[in-house]
Amino acid sequence: MTQRQIHIGKQLLQQNQTEVSGQYVKIEGEDFYQIANYDQMKDFFISVVSDSNHWMFISTRGGLTAGRINAQSALFPYYTDDKISDGSPYTGSRTIAMVTAGDKTSLWEPMSEQHAGAYKLTRNLYKNVYGDKLIFEEINHDLGLTFSYAWRTSDKFGFVKTSKLVNNSDQAVSVEILDGIENLIPYGVESDVQNSLSCLVDAYKKNELQADAGVGLYSMSSISG
């Protein structure tokens, strides 16, 4: 079948159709298994293990559920794998960047399908041989940047997300970036309540910032301020 160039307005959609491959690689001296161009595969589910009481189940689309001990202590909604994958745009890691090079500013949302086809991309997935670290990587060939984020576990700090941005070009760029996580649920919301009354849970969710300590508070409240 002949492939046609497709535009949205004046924007040419990039055809990121590349071959999937796998190999062992070293990252900071540790052995990882890399799945190159994993986004060309049908999305699948991955578990991230720990030597403590952490549990995490994550879709290759980025959506996840995670917690400690059992489903009643979940940090993100405890759903079936299809709902977790479908909820990827608003659950788990979220990154939005404004990249300025010269007099041009570009909007980039790594790992997101919101602007699929806007850039020529390569996406790679890495999991260490012990199964307790998972890294998502997106190489933006048009902007000359690579963004990656990793999930790890810590007995003291719980789940640890780290992010990294690398300039692959010899051109200086300015980047304004918002990087964080979405759809945390307050403590005490049991899985049965989340599954049967999720609309009410969303309606009563409340988050605050304790500015003096830099601590985020997530709770439920029916009192309007």
N, C-alpha and C. Protein backbone atom coordinates (compact mmCIF):
# COMPACT_ATOMS: atom_id res chain seq x y z
N MET A 1 0.84 -1.18 0.00
CA MET A 1 0.00 0.00 0.00
C MET A 1 0.89 1.25 0.00
N THR A 2 0.58 2.20 -0.87
CA THR A 2 1.35 3.43 -0.97
C THR A 2 1.10 4.30 0.25
N GLN A 3 2.20 4.76 0.86
CA GLN A 3 2.08 5.66 2.00
C GLN A 3 1.99 7.10 1.52
N ARG A 4 1.02 7.82 2.06
CA ARG A 4 0.83 9.21 1.69
C ARG A 4 1.32 10.12 2.81
N GLN A 5 1.78 11.29 2.43
CA GLN A 5 2.10 12.30 3.43
C GLN A 5 0.80 12.94 3.90
N ILE A 6 0.65 12.99 5.22
CA ILE A 6 -0.58 13.52 5.81
C ILE A 6 -0.25 14.77 6.62
N HIS A 7 -1.07 15.79 6.48
CA HIS A 7 -0.88 17.04 7.19
C HIS A 7 -2.07 17.31 8.10
N ILE A 8 -1.81 17.99 9.21
CA ILE A 8 -2.85 18.64 10.00
C ILE A 8 -2.56 20.13 9.92
N GLY A 9 -3.40 20.85 9.20
CA GLY A 9 -3.07 22.23 8.88
C GLY A 9 -1.82 22.24 8.01
N LYS A 10 -0.79 22.98 8.45
CA LYS A 10 0.46 23.03 7.71
C LYS A 10 1.50 22.05 8.28
N GLN A 11 1.11 21.31 9.35
CA GLN A 11 2.05 20.40 10.00
C GLN A 11 2.04 19.03 9.33
N LEU A 12 3.21 18.60 8.88
CA LEU A 12 3.35 17.27 8.30
C LEU A 12 3.47 16.25 9.42
N LEU A 13 2.61 15.23 9.41
CA LEU A 13 2.68 14.18 10.42
C LEU A 13 3.87 13.27 10.13
N GLN A 14 4.69 13.06 11.16
CA GLN A 14 5.86 12.20 11.02
C GLN A 14 5.44 10.74 11.08
N GLN A 15 6.00 9.93 10.20
CA GLN A 15 5.71 8.50 10.17
C GLN A 15 6.81 7.77 10.96
N ASN A 16 6.59 7.61 12.26
CA ASN A 16 7.59 6.97 13.11
C ASN A 16 7.41 5.45 13.10
N GLN A 17 7.65 4.84 11.96
CA GLN A 17 7.52 3.40 11.82
C GLN A 17 8.91 2.79 11.68
N THR A 18 9.40 2.23 12.77
CA THR A 18 10.74 1.66 12.81
C THR A 18 10.70 0.28 13.43
N GLU A 19 11.76 -0.47 13.23
CA GLU A 19 11.79 -1.86 13.68
C GLU A 19 12.05 -1.96 15.17
N VAL A 20 11.34 -2.86 15.81
CA VAL A 20 11.54 -3.13 17.23
C VAL A 20 12.71 -4.09 17.40
N SER A 21 13.56 -3.82 18.38
CA SER A 21 14.70 -4.70 18.64
C SER A 21 14.99 -4.71 20.13
N GLY A 22 15.73 -5.72 20.58
CA GLY A 22 16.07 -5.83 21.99
C GLY A 22 17.53 -6.22 22.18
N GLN A 23 18.13 -5.70 23.24
CA GLN A 23 19.51 -6.03 23.55
C GLN A 23 19.82 -5.63 24.99
N TYR A 24 20.87 -6.23 25.54
CA TYR A 24 21.34 -5.84 26.87
C TYR A 24 22.29 -4.66 26.73
N VAL A 25 22.11 -3.66 27.60
CA VAL A 25 22.97 -2.48 27.60
C VAL A 25 23.35 -2.16 29.04
N LYS A 26 24.38 -1.34 29.18
CA LYS A 26 24.78 -0.88 30.51
C LYS A 26 24.41 0.58 30.67
N ILE A 27 23.79 0.92 31.79
CA ILE A 27 23.45 2.29 32.14
C ILE A 27 24.03 2.56 33.52
N GLU A 28 24.98 3.48 33.58
CA GLU A 28 25.66 3.83 34.83
C GLU A 28 26.21 2.58 35.52
N GLY A 29 26.79 1.68 34.70
CA GLY A 29 27.43 0.48 35.22
C GLY A 29 26.50 -0.67 35.55
N GLU A 30 25.20 -0.53 35.31
CA GLU A 30 24.23 -1.57 35.64
C GLU A 30 23.64 -2.16 34.36
N ASP A 31 23.35 -3.46 34.39
CA ASP A 31 22.81 -4.15 33.22
C ASP A 31 21.30 -3.92 33.10
N PHE A 32 20.89 -3.48 31.92
CA PHE A 32 19.48 -3.29 31.60
C PHE A 32 19.17 -4.02 30.30
N TYR A 33 17.90 -4.40 30.14
CA TYR A 33 17.46 -4.90 28.84
C TYR A 33 16.70 -3.78 28.15
N GLN A 34 17.13 -3.47 26.93
CA GLN A 34 16.53 -2.39 26.16
C GLN A 34 15.59 -2.94 25.10
N ILE A 35 14.38 -2.38 25.04
CA ILE A 35 13.48 -2.62 23.91
C ILE A 35 13.44 -1.31 23.12
N ALA A 36 14.12 -1.31 21.98
CA ALA A 36 14.17 -0.11 21.13
C ALA A 36 12.89 -0.02 20.31
N ASN A 37 12.34 1.19 20.21
CA ASN A 37 11.12 1.45 19.45
C ASN A 37 9.93 0.65 19.99
N TYR A 38 9.86 0.60 21.32
CA TYR A 38 8.80 -0.19 21.96
C TYR A 38 7.40 0.33 21.61
N ASP A 39 7.31 1.60 21.23
CA ASP A 39 6.00 2.17 20.92
C ASP A 39 5.41 1.61 19.62
N GLN A 40 6.22 0.88 18.85
CA GLN A 40 5.72 0.23 17.64
C GLN A 40 5.05 -1.10 17.95
N MET A 41 5.12 -1.52 19.21
CA MET A 41 4.47 -2.76 19.65
C MET A 41 3.10 -2.43 20.22
N LYS A 42 2.25 -3.42 20.32
CA LYS A 42 1.01 -3.26 21.06
C LYS A 42 1.38 -3.05 22.52
N ASP A 43 0.71 -2.11 23.19
CA ASP A 43 1.07 -1.80 24.57
C ASP A 43 0.89 -3.04 25.46
N PHE A 44 1.76 -3.16 26.45
CA PHE A 44 1.72 -4.31 27.36
C PHE A 44 2.00 -3.85 28.78
N PHE A 45 1.79 -4.75 29.72
CA PHE A 45 1.88 -4.46 31.15
C PHE A 45 3.21 -4.95 31.70
N ILE A 46 3.78 -4.19 32.65
CA ILE A 46 5.06 -4.53 33.27
C ILE A 46 4.91 -4.42 34.78
N SER A 47 5.56 -5.30 35.50
CA SER A 47 5.62 -5.17 36.95
C SER A 47 7.01 -4.68 37.35
N VAL A 48 7.07 -3.83 38.35
CA VAL A 48 8.33 -3.38 38.93
C VAL A 48 8.37 -3.90 40.36
N VAL A 49 9.38 -4.69 40.68
CA VAL A 49 9.44 -5.36 41.97
C VAL A 49 10.35 -4.60 42.93
N SER A 50 10.36 -5.02 44.19
CA SER A 50 11.25 -4.42 45.18
C SER A 50 11.60 -5.48 46.22
N ASP A 51 12.59 -5.18 47.07
CA ASP A 51 12.97 -6.09 48.14
C ASP A 51 12.20 -5.76 49.41
N SER A 52 11.23 -4.86 49.30
CA SER A 52 10.41 -4.48 50.45
C SER A 52 8.95 -4.78 50.11
N ASN A 53 8.03 -3.88 50.50
CA ASN A 53 6.60 -4.16 50.29
C ASN A 53 5.98 -3.31 49.19
N HIS A 54 6.81 -2.84 48.26
CA HIS A 54 6.29 -2.04 47.14
C HIS A 54 5.69 -2.95 46.07
N TRP A 55 4.71 -2.43 45.37
CA TRP A 55 4.22 -3.09 44.15
C TRP A 55 3.87 -2.02 43.12
N MET A 56 4.16 -2.32 41.88
CA MET A 56 3.85 -1.40 40.78
C MET A 56 3.51 -2.20 39.53
N PHE A 57 2.43 -1.81 38.87
CA PHE A 57 2.06 -2.37 37.57
C PHE A 57 1.89 -1.18 36.63
N ILE A 58 2.60 -1.21 35.51
CA ILE A 58 2.66 -0.04 34.63
C ILE A 58 2.52 -0.46 33.18
N SER A 59 1.78 0.33 32.43
CA SER A 59 1.61 0.11 31.01
C SER A 59 2.76 0.76 30.24
N THR A 60 3.09 0.22 29.10
CA THR A 60 4.11 0.85 28.26
C THR A 60 3.62 2.19 27.72
N ARG A 61 2.34 2.49 27.89
CA ARG A 61 1.82 3.81 27.53
C ARG A 61 2.02 4.81 28.68
N GLY A 62 2.47 4.33 29.85
CA GLY A 62 2.80 5.22 30.95
C GLY A 62 1.85 5.17 32.13
N GLY A 63 0.60 4.76 31.91
CA GLY A 63 -0.36 4.66 33.01
C GLY A 63 0.05 3.58 33.98
N LEU A 64 -0.27 3.77 35.26
CA LEU A 64 0.20 2.82 36.26
C LEU A 64 -0.70 2.80 37.48
N THR A 65 -0.49 1.78 38.29
CA THR A 65 -0.99 1.75 39.66
C THR A 65 0.15 1.24 40.51
N ALA A 66 0.24 1.75 41.73
CA ALA A 66 1.37 1.40 42.60
C ALA A 66 0.98 1.67 44.05
N GLY A 67 1.66 0.98 44.94
CA GLY A 67 1.40 1.19 46.36
C GLY A 67 2.31 0.32 47.20
N ARG A 68 1.97 0.21 48.47
CA ARG A 68 2.73 -0.62 49.39
C ARG A 68 1.77 -1.58 50.08
N ILE A 69 2.22 -2.80 50.26
CA ILE A 69 1.51 -3.89 50.96
C ILE A 69 0.38 -4.45 50.11
N ASN A 70 -0.72 -3.68 49.88
CA ASN A 70 -1.86 -4.23 49.15
C ASN A 70 -2.61 -3.12 48.42
N ALA A 71 -3.70 -3.49 47.76
CA ALA A 71 -4.45 -2.54 46.93
C ALA A 71 -5.09 -1.43 47.76
N GLN A 72 -5.28 -1.66 49.05
CA GLN A 72 -5.92 -0.64 49.89
C GLN A 72 -4.98 0.52 50.21
N SER A 73 -3.72 0.38 49.88
CA SER A 73 -2.76 1.47 50.11
C SER A 73 -2.18 1.96 48.79
N ALA A 74 -3.01 1.92 47.74
CA ALA A 74 -2.55 2.35 46.42
C ALA A 74 -2.36 3.86 46.36
N LEU A 75 -1.34 4.29 45.62
CA LEU A 75 -1.09 5.71 45.41
C LEU A 75 -1.82 6.24 44.17
N PHE A 76 -2.12 5.33 43.26
CA PHE A 76 -2.87 5.66 42.05
C PHE A 76 -4.06 4.69 41.98
N PRO A 77 -5.12 5.05 41.27
CA PRO A 77 -6.30 4.18 41.21
C PRO A 77 -5.94 2.73 40.85
N TYR A 78 -6.49 1.80 41.63
CA TYR A 78 -6.23 0.37 41.43
C TYR A 78 -7.30 -0.18 40.50
N TYR A 79 -6.94 -0.28 39.22
CA TYR A 79 -7.87 -0.74 38.20
C TYR A 79 -7.31 -1.97 37.51
N THR A 80 -8.13 -2.51 36.58
CA THR A 80 -7.66 -3.59 35.72
C THR A 80 -6.71 -3.01 34.66
N ASP A 81 -5.94 -3.88 34.01
CA ASP A 81 -4.88 -3.40 33.12
C ASP A 81 -5.43 -2.59 31.95
N ASP A 82 -6.62 -2.93 31.43
CA ASP A 82 -7.15 -2.15 30.31
C ASP A 82 -7.48 -0.72 30.72
N LYS A 83 -8.03 -0.55 31.92
CA LYS A 83 -8.36 0.80 32.39
C LYS A 83 -7.09 1.59 32.71
N ILE A 84 -6.08 0.90 33.22
CA ILE A 84 -4.81 1.59 33.52
C ILE A 84 -4.16 2.08 32.23
N SER A 85 -4.16 1.25 31.20
CA SER A 85 -3.59 1.67 29.91
C SER A 85 -4.39 2.83 29.31
N ASP A 86 -5.73 2.74 29.37
CA ASP A 86 -6.57 3.80 28.82
C ASP A 86 -6.41 5.10 29.59
N GLY A 87 -6.05 5.00 30.88
CA GLY A 87 -5.89 6.19 31.71
C GLY A 87 -4.51 6.81 31.63
N SER A 88 -3.66 6.33 30.73
CA SER A 88 -2.28 6.83 30.64
C SER A 88 -2.17 8.34 30.41
N PRO A 89 -3.07 8.97 29.64
CA PRO A 89 -2.92 10.42 29.43
C PRO A 89 -3.05 11.26 30.70
N TYR A 90 -3.70 10.71 31.76
CA TYR A 90 -3.93 11.52 32.96
C TYR A 90 -3.54 10.80 34.26
N THR A 91 -2.82 9.70 34.18
CA THR A 91 -2.37 9.01 35.38
C THR A 91 -0.90 8.64 35.23
N GLY A 92 -0.10 8.95 36.24
CA GLY A 92 1.32 8.64 36.21
C GLY A 92 2.15 9.85 35.83
N SER A 93 3.26 9.60 35.16
CA SER A 93 4.19 10.67 34.80
C SER A 93 3.59 11.60 33.75
N ARG A 94 3.89 12.89 33.88
CA ARG A 94 3.44 13.88 32.89
C ARG A 94 4.53 14.94 32.76
N THR A 95 4.89 15.24 31.53
CA THR A 95 5.93 16.24 31.27
C THR A 95 5.50 17.14 30.12
N ILE A 96 5.64 18.44 30.32
CA ILE A 96 5.34 19.43 29.28
C ILE A 96 6.53 20.37 29.19
N ALA A 97 7.05 20.55 27.99
CA ALA A 97 8.24 21.41 27.81
C ALA A 97 8.00 22.43 26.71
N MET A 98 8.51 23.64 26.95
CA MET A 98 8.56 24.69 25.94
C MET A 98 10.02 24.88 25.57
N VAL A 99 10.37 24.49 24.35
CA VAL A 99 11.77 24.49 23.91
C VAL A 99 11.99 25.64 22.94
N THR A 100 12.91 26.55 23.31
CA THR A 100 13.20 27.70 22.47
C THR A 100 14.61 27.59 21.90
N ALA A 101 14.69 27.59 20.58
CA ALA A 101 15.98 27.60 19.87
C ALA A 101 15.93 28.75 18.87
N GLY A 102 16.81 29.73 19.04
CA GLY A 102 16.75 30.92 18.19
C GLY A 102 15.47 31.69 18.48
N ASP A 103 14.70 31.97 17.44
CA ASP A 103 13.45 32.71 17.62
C ASP A 103 12.22 31.81 17.53
N LYS A 104 12.43 30.49 17.63
CA LYS A 104 11.32 29.54 17.52
C LYS A 104 11.11 28.80 18.84
N THR A 105 9.87 28.77 19.31
CA THR A 105 9.52 28.04 20.52
C THR A 105 8.59 26.89 20.17
N SER A 106 8.93 25.68 20.63
CA SER A 106 8.17 24.48 20.30
C SER A 106 7.60 23.85 21.56
N LEU A 107 6.35 23.40 21.47
CA LEU A 107 5.71 22.67 22.56
C LEU A 107 5.99 21.19 22.39
N TRP A 108 6.46 20.54 23.46
CA TRP A 108 6.82 19.11 23.40
C TRP A 108 6.31 18.43 24.66
N GLU A 109 5.58 17.35 24.48
CA GLU A 109 5.11 16.54 25.60
C GLU A 109 5.67 15.13 25.43
N PRO A 110 6.84 14.84 26.01
CA PRO A 110 7.44 13.52 25.87
C PRO A 110 6.52 12.40 26.34
N MET A 111 6.54 11.29 25.63
CA MET A 111 5.78 10.07 25.92
C MET A 111 4.27 10.23 25.72
N SER A 112 3.83 11.40 25.31
CA SER A 112 2.40 11.63 25.17
C SER A 112 1.95 11.35 23.74
N GLU A 113 0.68 10.92 23.62
CA GLU A 113 0.09 10.73 22.31
C GLU A 113 -0.74 11.94 21.89
N GLN A 114 -0.73 12.99 22.72
CA GLN A 114 -1.54 14.18 22.45
C GLN A 114 -1.15 14.82 21.12
N HIS A 115 0.17 14.82 20.82
CA HIS A 115 0.64 15.44 19.58
C HIS A 115 1.35 14.41 18.70
N ALA A 116 0.76 13.24 18.61
CA ALA A 116 1.37 12.15 17.83
C ALA A 116 1.61 12.59 16.39
N GLY A 117 2.83 12.37 15.92
CA GLY A 117 3.18 12.71 14.55
C GLY A 117 3.76 14.10 14.39
N ALA A 118 3.81 14.89 15.47
CA ALA A 118 4.35 16.24 15.36
C ALA A 118 5.86 16.25 15.20
N TYR A 119 6.54 15.23 15.75
CA TYR A 119 8.00 15.17 15.71
C TYR A 119 8.47 13.79 15.24
N LYS A 120 9.69 13.75 14.76
CA LYS A 120 10.34 12.47 14.46
C LYS A 120 10.96 11.98 15.77
N LEU A 121 10.50 10.83 16.26
CA LEU A 121 10.86 10.36 17.59
C LEU A 121 11.41 8.95 17.56
N THR A 122 12.20 8.64 18.57
CA THR A 122 12.57 7.26 18.89
C THR A 122 12.28 7.06 20.37
N ARG A 123 11.54 6.00 20.68
CA ARG A 123 11.21 5.70 22.08
C ARG A 123 11.80 4.36 22.47
N ASN A 124 12.52 4.35 23.58
CA ASN A 124 13.16 3.14 24.09
C ASN A 124 12.72 2.87 25.52
N LEU A 125 12.70 1.60 25.86
CA LEU A 125 12.30 1.17 27.20
C LEU A 125 13.42 0.33 27.78
N TYR A 126 13.76 0.56 29.06
CA TYR A 126 14.84 -0.17 29.72
C TYR A 126 14.35 -0.71 31.06
N LYS A 127 14.66 -1.98 31.32
CA LYS A 127 14.37 -2.57 32.63
C LYS A 127 15.63 -3.30 33.10
N ASN A 128 16.04 -3.02 34.34
CA ASN A 128 17.27 -3.67 34.81
C ASN A 128 17.02 -5.15 35.08
N VAL A 129 18.10 -5.91 35.17
CA VAL A 129 17.98 -7.37 35.27
C VAL A 129 17.35 -7.80 36.58
N TYR A 130 17.41 -6.95 37.61
CA TYR A 130 16.77 -7.29 38.88
C TYR A 130 15.27 -6.97 38.88
N GLY A 131 14.84 -6.20 37.91
CA GLY A 131 13.41 -5.91 37.78
C GLY A 131 12.88 -4.82 38.68
N ASP A 132 13.79 -4.06 39.32
CA ASP A 132 13.31 -3.02 40.25
C ASP A 132 13.55 -1.60 39.74
N LYS A 133 13.95 -1.46 38.47
CA LYS A 133 14.13 -0.14 37.86
C LYS A 133 13.58 -0.20 36.44
N LEU A 134 12.87 0.86 36.05
CA LEU A 134 12.28 0.93 34.72
C LEU A 134 12.48 2.34 34.18
N ILE A 135 12.99 2.44 32.95
CA ILE A 135 13.29 3.74 32.34
C ILE A 135 12.56 3.87 31.01
N PHE A 136 11.86 4.98 30.85
CA PHE A 136 11.25 5.35 29.57
C PHE A 136 12.10 6.45 28.95
N GLU A 137 12.40 6.33 27.66
CA GLU A 137 13.25 7.31 26.98
C GLU A 137 12.62 7.73 25.66
N GLU A 138 12.63 9.04 25.41
CA GLU A 138 12.17 9.55 24.11
C GLU A 138 13.24 10.46 23.53
N ILE A 139 13.68 10.14 22.33
CA ILE A 139 14.65 10.96 21.60
C ILE A 139 13.88 11.76 20.56
N ASN A 140 13.93 13.08 20.69
CA ASN A 140 13.27 13.96 19.74
C ASN A 140 14.32 14.43 18.73
N HIS A 141 14.30 13.83 17.55
CA HIS A 141 15.32 14.12 16.55
C HIS A 141 15.16 15.52 15.96
N ASP A 142 13.94 16.04 15.93
CA ASP A 142 13.71 17.37 15.38
C ASP A 142 14.25 18.46 16.31
N LEU A 143 14.06 18.27 17.62
CA LEU A 143 14.52 19.27 18.59
C LEU A 143 15.94 19.00 19.08
N GLY A 144 16.47 17.81 18.79
CA GLY A 144 17.82 17.47 19.24
C GLY A 144 17.91 17.24 20.73
N LEU A 145 16.83 16.76 21.33
CA LEU A 145 16.78 16.55 22.78
C LEU A 145 16.36 15.12 23.11
N THR A 146 16.83 14.63 24.26
CA THR A 146 16.40 13.34 24.77
C THR A 146 15.86 13.54 26.18
N PHE A 147 14.64 13.05 26.41
CA PHE A 147 14.06 13.09 27.75
C PHE A 147 13.85 11.65 28.22
N SER A 148 14.17 11.40 29.47
CA SER A 148 13.91 10.08 30.04
C SER A 148 13.46 10.24 31.48
N TYR A 149 12.66 9.28 31.92
CA TYR A 149 12.30 9.24 33.34
C TYR A 149 12.34 7.80 33.81
N ALA A 150 12.62 7.63 35.09
CA ALA A 150 12.79 6.30 35.66
C ALA A 150 11.95 6.14 36.92
N TRP A 151 11.44 4.93 37.12
CA TRP A 151 10.79 4.57 38.37
C TRP A 151 11.70 3.62 39.13
N ARG A 152 11.92 3.91 40.41
CA ARG A 152 12.70 3.06 41.30
C ARG A 152 11.97 2.97 42.63
N THR A 153 12.38 2.04 43.48
CA THR A 153 11.78 1.93 44.81
C THR A 153 12.83 2.15 45.87
N SER A 154 12.39 2.67 46.99
CA SER A 154 13.26 2.92 48.12
C SER A 154 12.50 2.57 49.39
N ASP A 155 13.11 1.78 50.25
CA ASP A 155 12.42 1.39 51.49
C ASP A 155 12.08 2.61 52.33
N LYS A 156 12.94 3.63 52.29
CA LYS A 156 12.74 4.84 53.09
C LYS A 156 11.79 5.82 52.42
N PHE A 157 11.97 6.04 51.10
CA PHE A 157 11.23 7.09 50.41
C PHE A 157 10.07 6.57 49.56
N GLY A 158 9.89 5.26 49.49
CA GLY A 158 8.79 4.72 48.69
C GLY A 158 9.16 4.65 47.22
N PHE A 159 8.30 5.20 46.37
CA PHE A 159 8.56 5.20 44.94
C PHE A 159 9.29 6.48 44.56
N VAL A 160 10.35 6.33 43.79
CA VAL A 160 11.19 7.46 43.42
C VAL A 160 11.17 7.61 41.90
N LYS A 161 10.74 8.78 41.45
CA LYS A 161 10.77 9.08 40.02
C LYS A 161 11.87 10.10 39.76
N THR A 162 12.75 9.79 38.81
CA THR A 162 13.80 10.73 38.42
C THR A 162 13.67 11.01 36.94
N SER A 163 14.00 12.24 36.54
CA SER A 163 13.89 12.66 35.15
C SER A 163 15.20 13.25 34.67
N LYS A 164 15.44 13.13 33.37
CA LYS A 164 16.70 13.60 32.80
C LYS A 164 16.45 14.17 31.42
N LEU A 165 17.05 15.34 31.14
CA LEU A 165 16.93 15.99 29.84
C LEU A 165 18.33 16.22 29.29
N VAL A 166 18.59 15.77 28.06
CA VAL A 166 19.91 15.88 27.44
C VAL A 166 19.79 16.60 26.11
N ASN A 167 20.69 17.56 25.89
CA ASN A 167 20.78 18.25 24.60
C ASN A 167 21.77 17.50 23.72
N ASN A 168 21.28 16.91 22.64
CA ASN A 168 22.12 16.11 21.74
C ASN A 168 22.79 16.94 20.66
N SER A 169 22.42 18.20 20.54
CA SER A 169 22.95 19.04 19.46
C SER A 169 24.04 19.96 19.99
N ASP A 170 24.67 20.69 19.07
CA ASP A 170 25.68 21.67 19.46
C ASP A 170 25.09 23.07 19.55
N GLN A 171 23.76 23.13 19.51
CA GLN A 171 23.07 24.42 19.57
C GLN A 171 22.49 24.63 20.97
N ALA A 172 22.69 25.80 21.52
CA ALA A 172 22.12 26.12 22.83
C ALA A 172 20.60 26.28 22.71
N VAL A 173 19.87 25.70 23.66
CA VAL A 173 18.42 25.84 23.69
C VAL A 173 18.00 26.25 25.09
N SER A 174 16.87 26.90 25.16
CA SER A 174 16.26 27.27 26.44
C SER A 174 15.02 26.42 26.63
N VAL A 175 14.89 25.78 27.80
CA VAL A 175 13.77 24.88 28.04
C VAL A 175 13.04 25.27 29.32
N GLU A 176 11.74 25.53 29.18
CA GLU A 176 10.87 25.68 30.34
C GLU A 176 10.12 24.36 30.47
N ILE A 177 10.21 23.73 31.63
CA ILE A 177 9.67 22.37 31.74
C ILE A 177 8.86 22.19 33.02
N LEU A 178 7.75 21.51 32.87
CA LEU A 178 6.90 21.11 34.00
C LEU A 178 6.90 19.59 34.02
N ASP A 179 7.38 19.01 35.09
CA ASP A 179 7.53 17.56 35.16
C ASP A 179 7.02 17.06 36.50
N GLY A 180 6.13 16.10 36.48
CA GLY A 180 5.58 15.59 37.74
C GLY A 180 4.73 14.36 37.51
N ILE A 181 3.79 14.13 38.43
CA ILE A 181 2.90 12.97 38.34
C ILE A 181 1.46 13.43 38.54
N GLU A 182 0.53 12.67 37.96
CA GLU A 182 -0.88 13.03 37.99
C GLU A 182 -1.72 11.91 38.60
N ASN A 183 -2.87 12.31 39.12
CA ASN A 183 -3.93 11.41 39.57
C ASN A 183 -3.55 10.59 40.80
N LEU A 184 -2.83 11.20 41.72
CA LEU A 184 -2.61 10.58 43.02
C LEU A 184 -3.94 10.53 43.77
N ILE A 185 -4.15 9.46 44.52
CA ILE A 185 -5.38 9.38 45.31
C ILE A 185 -5.03 9.54 46.79
N PRO A 186 -5.90 10.18 47.55
CA PRO A 186 -5.65 10.39 48.98
C PRO A 186 -5.62 9.07 49.75
N TYR A 187 -4.95 9.10 50.87
CA TYR A 187 -4.90 7.91 51.74
C TYR A 187 -6.31 7.56 52.22
N GLY A 188 -6.58 6.27 52.27
CA GLY A 188 -7.84 5.79 52.82
C GLY A 188 -8.91 5.49 51.79
N VAL A 189 -8.67 5.81 50.52
CA VAL A 189 -9.63 5.48 49.47
C VAL A 189 -9.41 4.03 49.07
N GLU A 190 -10.28 3.15 49.50
CA GLU A 190 -10.11 1.73 49.21
C GLU A 190 -10.46 1.43 47.76
N SER A 191 -9.95 0.30 47.28
CA SER A 191 -10.11 -0.03 45.86
C SER A 191 -11.58 -0.18 45.46
N ASP A 192 -12.42 -0.74 46.34
CA ASP A 192 -13.85 -0.89 46.02
C ASP A 192 -14.52 0.47 45.85
N VAL A 193 -14.14 1.42 46.70
CA VAL A 193 -14.70 2.77 46.60
C VAL A 193 -14.23 3.43 45.31
N GLN A 194 -12.95 3.29 44.99
CA GLN A 194 -12.41 3.90 43.77
C GLN A 194 -13.10 3.33 42.54
N ASN A 195 -13.37 2.04 42.53
CA ASN A 195 -13.97 1.40 41.36
C ASN A 195 -15.45 1.70 41.22
N SER A 196 -16.16 1.86 42.33
CA SER A 196 -17.61 2.05 42.24
C SER A 196 -18.04 3.51 42.36
N LEU A 197 -17.21 4.35 42.98
CA LEU A 197 -17.59 5.74 43.22
C LEU A 197 -16.48 6.70 42.77
N SER A 198 -15.83 6.39 41.66
CA SER A 198 -14.68 7.19 41.23
C SER A 198 -15.06 8.64 40.94
N CYS A 199 -16.29 8.88 40.46
CA CYS A 199 -16.71 10.26 40.18
C CYS A 199 -16.76 11.09 41.46
N LEU A 200 -17.29 10.48 42.55
CA LEU A 200 -17.34 11.19 43.83
C LEU A 200 -15.94 11.38 44.40
N VAL A 201 -15.09 10.36 44.25
CA VAL A 201 -13.71 10.49 44.73
C VAL A 201 -13.03 11.66 44.04
N ASP A 202 -13.19 11.76 42.72
CA ASP A 202 -12.60 12.87 41.98
C ASP A 202 -13.18 14.21 42.42
N ALA A 203 -14.48 14.22 42.70
CA ALA A 203 -15.13 15.47 43.09
C ALA A 203 -14.63 15.99 44.44
N TYR A 204 -14.28 15.07 45.33
CA TYR A 204 -13.90 15.48 46.68
C TYR A 204 -12.39 15.48 46.91
N LYS A 205 -11.63 15.19 45.87
CA LYS A 205 -10.17 15.25 46.02
C LYS A 205 -9.73 16.69 46.27
N LYS A 206 -8.72 16.82 47.11
CA LYS A 206 -8.19 18.14 47.42
C LYS A 206 -6.69 18.05 47.58
N ASN A 207 -5.96 18.98 47.02
CA ASN A 207 -4.51 18.99 47.22
C ASN A 207 -4.05 20.39 47.59
N GLU A 208 -3.09 20.43 48.49
CA GLU A 208 -2.57 21.70 48.99
C GLU A 208 -1.05 21.62 49.06
N LEU A 209 -0.43 22.76 49.04
CA LEU A 209 1.02 22.85 49.20
C LEU A 209 1.35 23.57 50.50
N GLN A 210 2.11 22.89 51.36
CA GLN A 210 2.65 23.54 52.55
C GLN A 210 3.93 24.24 52.12
N ALA A 211 3.79 25.52 51.78
CA ALA A 211 4.89 26.24 51.14
C ALA A 211 6.14 26.29 52.00
N ASP A 212 5.98 26.42 53.31
CA ASP A 212 7.16 26.55 54.16
C ASP A 212 7.98 25.27 54.23
N ALA A 213 7.31 24.12 54.04
CA ALA A 213 8.01 22.83 54.10
C ALA A 213 8.18 22.19 52.73
N GLY A 214 7.47 22.70 51.72
CA GLY A 214 7.54 22.11 50.39
C GLY A 214 6.87 20.76 50.30
N VAL A 215 5.86 20.53 51.15
CA VAL A 215 5.18 19.24 51.21
C VAL A 215 3.80 19.35 50.58
N GLY A 216 3.46 18.40 49.72
CA GLY A 216 2.13 18.34 49.13
C GLY A 216 1.21 17.50 49.97
N LEU A 217 0.00 17.99 50.19
CA LEU A 217 -1.02 17.28 50.97
C LEU A 217 -2.16 16.87 50.05
N TYR A 218 -2.52 15.59 50.08
CA TYR A 218 -3.60 15.06 49.27
C TYR A 218 -4.66 14.51 50.21
N SER A 219 -5.88 15.01 50.08
CA SER A 219 -6.94 14.62 51.01
C SER A 219 -8.27 14.66 50.28
N MET A 220 -9.33 14.30 51.02
CA MET A 220 -10.69 14.41 50.51
C MET A 220 -11.47 15.34 51.41
N SER A 221 -12.27 16.21 50.82
CA SER A 221 -13.03 17.17 51.60
C SER A 221 -14.30 17.53 50.86
N SER A 222 -15.42 17.63 51.63
CA SER A 222 -16.69 18.04 51.02
C SER A 222 -17.03 19.48 51.39
N ILE A 223 -16.06 20.17 52.01
CA ILE A 223 -16.27 21.56 52.41
C ILE A 223 -15.67 22.46 51.35
N SER A 224 -16.47 23.32 50.78
CA SER A 224 -15.97 24.23 49.75
C SER A 224 -15.35 25.44 50.43
N GLY A 225 -14.21 25.87 49.87
CA GLY A 225 -13.50 27.01 50.46
C GLY A 225 -14.01 28.34 49.96
